[in-house]
C-alpha atoms as a PDB file:
ATOM      1  CA  UNK A   1      10.012 -21.464 -20.529  1.00  0.00           C
ATOM      2  CA  UNK A   2       8.244 -23.650 -22.766  1.00  0.00           C
ATOM      3  CA  UNK A   3       7.376 -26.283 -19.527  1.00  0.00           C
ATOM      4  CA  UNK A   4       4.112 -25.871 -17.738  1.00  0.00           C
ATOM      5  CA  UNK A   5       4.126 -25.176 -13.791  1.00  0.00           C
ATOM      6  CA  UNK A   6       3.200 -27.212 -11.189  1.00  0.00           C
ATOM      7  CA  UNK A   7      -0.001 -26.942 -10.401  1.00  0.00           C
ATOM      8  CA  UNK A   8       0.595 -26.536  -6.697  1.00  0.00           C
ATOM      9  CA  UNK A   9       2.885 -23.258  -7.789  1.00  0.00           C
ATOM     10  CA  UNK A  10      -0.626 -22.805 -10.432  1.00  0.00           C
ATOM     11  CA  UNK A  11      -2.680 -22.829  -7.401  1.00  0.00           C
ATOM     12  CA  UNK A  12      -0.574 -20.524  -4.938  1.00  0.00           C
ATOM     13  CA  UNK A  13       0.305 -17.846  -8.062  1.00  0.00           C
ATOM     14  CA  UNK A  14      -3.258 -17.995  -8.334  1.00  0.00           C
ATOM     15  CA  UNK A  15      -4.398 -17.528  -4.996  1.00  0.00           C
ATOM     16  CA  UNK A  16      -2.330 -14.575  -4.275  1.00  0.00           C
ATOM     17  CA  UNK A  17      -2.993 -12.758  -7.186  1.00  0.00           C
ATOM     18  CA  UNK A  18      -6.463 -13.451  -6.395  1.00  0.00           C
ATOM     19  CA  UNK A  19      -6.316 -12.116  -2.869  1.00  0.00           C
ATOM     20  CA  UNK A  20      -4.958  -9.068  -3.898  1.00  0.00           C
ATOM     21  CA  UNK A  21      -7.870  -7.942  -6.556  1.00  0.00           C
ATOM     22  CA  UNK A  22      -9.330  -8.699  -4.319  1.00  0.00           C
ATOM     23  CA  UNK A  23      -7.958  -6.502  -1.430  1.00  0.00           C
ATOM     24  CA  UNK A  24      -7.637  -4.038  -3.751  1.00  0.00           C
ATOM     25  CA  UNK A  25     -11.725  -4.036  -4.677  1.00  0.00           C
ATOM     26  CA  UNK A  26     -12.729  -3.936  -0.966  1.00  0.00           C
ATOM     27  CA  UNK A  27     -10.614  -0.454  -1.073  1.00  0.00           C
ATOM     28  CA  UNK A  28     -12.484   0.360  -4.197  1.00  0.00           C
ATOM     29  CA  UNK A  29     -15.839  -0.368  -1.917  1.00  0.00           C
ATOM     30  CA  UNK A  30     -14.448   1.808   0.798  1.00  0.00           C
ATOM     31  CA  UNK A  31     -13.998   4.701  -0.936  1.00  0.00           C
ATOM     32  CA  UNK A  32     -17.645   4.749  -2.327  1.00  0.00           C
ATOM     33  CA  UNK A  33     -19.355   3.341   0.423  1.00  0.00           C
ATOM     34  CA  UNK A  34     -17.563   6.222   3.407  1.00  0.00           C
ATOM     35  CA  UNK A  35     -18.978   9.692   3.564  1.00  0.00           C
ATOM     36  CA  UNK A  36     -16.275  12.018   3.976  1.00  0.00           C
ATOM     37  CA  UNK A  37     -12.876  13.253   2.822  1.00  0.00           C
ATOM     38  CA  UNK A  38     -10.798  12.561   5.589  1.00  0.00           C
ATOM     39  CA  UNK A  39     -12.525   8.224   5.846  1.00  0.00           C
ATOM     40  CA  UNK A  40     -12.558   7.855   2.182  1.00  0.00           C
ATOM     41  CA  UNK A  41      -9.008   8.627   2.006  1.00  0.00           C
ATOM     42  CA  UNK A  42      -7.498   5.784   4.366  1.00  0.00           C
ATOM     43  CA  UNK A  43      -9.544   3.200   2.107  1.00  0.00           C
ATOM     44  CA  UNK A  44      -7.584   3.377  -1.428  1.00  0.00           C
ATOM     45  CA  UNK A  45      -4.703   4.317   0.389  1.00  0.00           C
ATOM     46  CA  UNK A  46      -3.796   1.576   2.850  1.00  0.00           C
ATOM     47  CA  UNK A  47      -5.650  -1.512   1.054  1.00  0.00           C
ATOM     48  CA  UNK A  48      -4.031  -0.094  -1.710  1.00  0.00           C
ATOM     49  CA  UNK A  49      -1.103  -1.277  -0.445  1.00  0.00           C
ATOM     50  CA  UNK A  50      -1.965  -4.223   0.922  1.00  0.00           C
ATOM     51  CA  UNK A  51      -3.507  -5.066  -2.596  1.00  0.00           C
ATOM     52  CA  UNK A  52      -0.172  -4.600  -4.307  1.00  0.00           C
ATOM     53  CA  UNK A  53       2.145  -6.389  -1.994  1.00  0.00           C
ATOM     54  CA  UNK A  54       0.275  -9.897  -2.589  1.00  0.00           C
ATOM     55  CA  UNK A  55       0.415  -8.986  -6.208  1.00  0.00           C
ATOM     56  CA  UNK A  56       4.177  -9.075  -6.064  1.00  0.00           C
ATOM     57  CA  UNK A  57       4.754 -11.756  -4.143  1.00  0.00           C
ATOM     58  CA  UNK A  58       3.011 -13.567  -7.065  1.00  0.00           C
ATOM     59  CA  UNK A  59       5.239 -11.642  -9.359  1.00  0.00           C
ATOM     60  CA  UNK A  60       8.309 -11.889  -7.471  1.00  0.00           C
ATOM     61  CA  UNK A  61       8.053 -16.163  -7.843  1.00  0.00           C
ATOM     62  CA  UNK A  62       6.424 -16.784 -10.976  1.00  0.00           C
ATOM     63  CA  UNK A  63       9.527 -14.280 -12.443  1.00  0.00           C
ATOM     64  CA  UNK A  64      12.067 -16.251 -10.570  1.00  0.00           C
ATOM     65  CA  UNK A  65      10.346 -19.977 -12.011  1.00  0.00           C
ATOM     66  CA  UNK A  66       9.980 -19.068 -15.167  1.00  0.00           C
ATOM     67  CA  UNK A  67      13.209 -16.680 -15.304  1.00  0.00           C
ATOM     68  CA  UNK A  68      16.987 -17.148 -14.329  1.00  0.00           C
ATOM     69  CA  UNK A  69      17.149 -16.107 -11.298  1.00  0.00           C
ATOM     70  CA  UNK A  70      15.788 -14.258  -8.796  1.00  0.00           C
ATOM     71  CA  UNK A  71      13.017 -11.435 -10.236  1.00  0.00           C
ATOM     72  CA  UNK A  72      13.943  -7.867  -8.027  1.00  0.00           C
ATOM     73  CA  UNK A  73      11.896  -5.763  -9.737  1.00  0.00           C
ATOM     74  CA  UNK A  74       8.543  -6.593  -8.410  1.00  0.00           C
ATOM     75  CA  UNK A  75       9.744  -5.555  -5.148  1.00  0.00           C
ATOM     76  CA  UNK A  76      11.124  -2.640  -6.210  1.00  0.00           C
ATOM     77  CA  UNK A  77       7.977  -1.896  -7.838  1.00  0.00           C
ATOM     78  CA  UNK A  78       6.219  -2.865  -4.522  1.00  0.00           C
ATOM     79  CA  UNK A  79       8.831  -0.876  -2.457  1.00  0.00           C
ATOM     80  CA  UNK A  80       8.259   2.406  -4.297  1.00  0.00           C
ATOM     81  CA  UNK A  81       4.497   2.071  -3.694  1.00  0.00           C
ATOM     82  CA  UNK A  82       4.975   0.915  -0.378  1.00  0.00           C
ATOM     83  CA  UNK A  83       7.061   4.367   0.508  1.00  0.00           C
ATOM     84  CA  UNK A  84       4.888   7.263  -1.124  1.00  0.00           C
ATOM     85  CA  UNK A  85       0.929   6.253  -0.591  1.00  0.00           C
ATOM     86  CA  UNK A  86       1.749   6.783   2.322  1.00  0.00           C
ATOM     87  CA  UNK A  87       3.344   9.879   2.423  1.00  0.00           C
ATOM     88  CA  UNK A  88       0.992  10.962  -0.325  1.00  0.00           C
ATOM     89  CA  UNK A  89      -1.282  10.592   1.578  1.00  0.00           C
ATOM     90  CA  UNK A  90       0.091  12.556   4.798  1.00  0.00           C
ATOM     91  CA  UNK A  91       0.382  15.386   2.724  1.00  0.00           C
ATOM     92  CA  UNK A  92      -3.323  15.457   0.747  1.00  0.00           C
ATOM     93  CA  UNK A  93      -4.657  15.045   4.735  1.00  0.00           C
ATOM     94  CA  UNK A  94      -2.811  17.835   6.025  1.00  0.00           C
ATOM     95  CA  UNK A  95      -4.064  19.935   3.116  1.00  0.00           C
ATOM     96  CA  UNK A  96      -7.359  19.237   3.148  1.00  0.00           C
ATOM     97  CA  UNK A  97      -7.130  19.460   6.968  1.00  0.00           C
ATOM     98  CA  UNK A  98      -6.289  22.928   6.859  1.00  0.00           C
ATOM     99  CA  UNK A  99      -8.371  23.867   4.099  1.00  0.00           C
ATOM    100  CA  UNK A 100     -11.311  22.939   6.248  1.00  0.00           C
ATOM    101  CA  UNK A 101     -10.112  24.326   9.081  1.00  0.00           C
ATOM    102  CA  UNK A 102      -9.640  27.965   6.946  1.00  0.00           C
ATOM    103  CA  UNK A 103     -13.174  27.193   5.591  1.00  0.00           C
ATOM    104  CA  UNK A 104     -14.391  26.887   9.551  1.00  0.00           C
ATOM    105  CA  UNK A 105     -15.664  23.527   8.657  1.00  0.00           C
ATOM    106  CA  UNK A 106     -15.651  21.255  11.801  1.00  0.00           C
ATOM    107  CA  UNK A 107     -13.109  19.269  11.985  1.00  0.00           C
ATOM    108  CA  UNK A 108     -10.534  16.794  14.278  1.00  0.00           C
ATOM    109  CA  UNK A 109      -8.903  18.906  16.464  1.00  0.00           C
ATOM    110  CA  UNK A 110      -5.078  19.460  16.673  1.00  0.00           C
ATOM    111  CA  UNK A 111      -3.000  16.707  18.666  1.00  0.00           C
ATOM    112  CA  UNK A 112      -0.633  19.162  19.397  1.00  0.00           C
ATOM    113  CA  UNK A 113      -4.081  20.576  21.630  1.00  0.00           C
ATOM    114  CA  UNK A 114      -4.425  17.674  22.990  1.00  0.00           C
ATOM    115  CA  UNK A 115      -1.549  16.315  23.733  1.00  0.00           C
ATOM    116  CA  UNK A 116      -0.495  20.343  25.330  1.00  0.00           C
ATOM    117  CA  UNK A 117      -4.687  19.925  27.069  1.00  0.00           C
ATOM    118  CA  UNK A 118      -4.400  16.497  28.418  1.00  0.00           C
ATOM    119  CA  UNK A 119      -0.032  17.656  29.876  1.00  0.00           C
ATOM    120  CA  UNK A 120      -2.066  20.378  31.459  1.00  0.00           C
ATOM    121  CA  UNK A 121      -4.302  18.284  33.147  1.00  0.00           C
ATOM    122  CA  UNK A 122      -2.326  16.544  34.834  1.00  0.00           C
END
């Protein structure tokens, strides 16, 4: 445990962590730059999940190399985030869409109405 990691492994781990941090930063910029809620909700949720996976790979490799065997705790955390973030995102978007329709705001049409009208046209 006191031995230093090889230089190539330090470089790979650093690249993964920096890549994950850069991806998460891009999601934060998307949150700031996009105009409406429906546009803003995508950037942090999708990008944060991708950034989490990069950092998870670095964590998995680091703790597996320095510890006693495969460190699966990082994989479990990343799986939990990968499952919960999209589901939460869907619920938040549906609630916002319902609220906007009730308030009479201009929102995208319902997909079921678009599918029904295209079926009637053919």
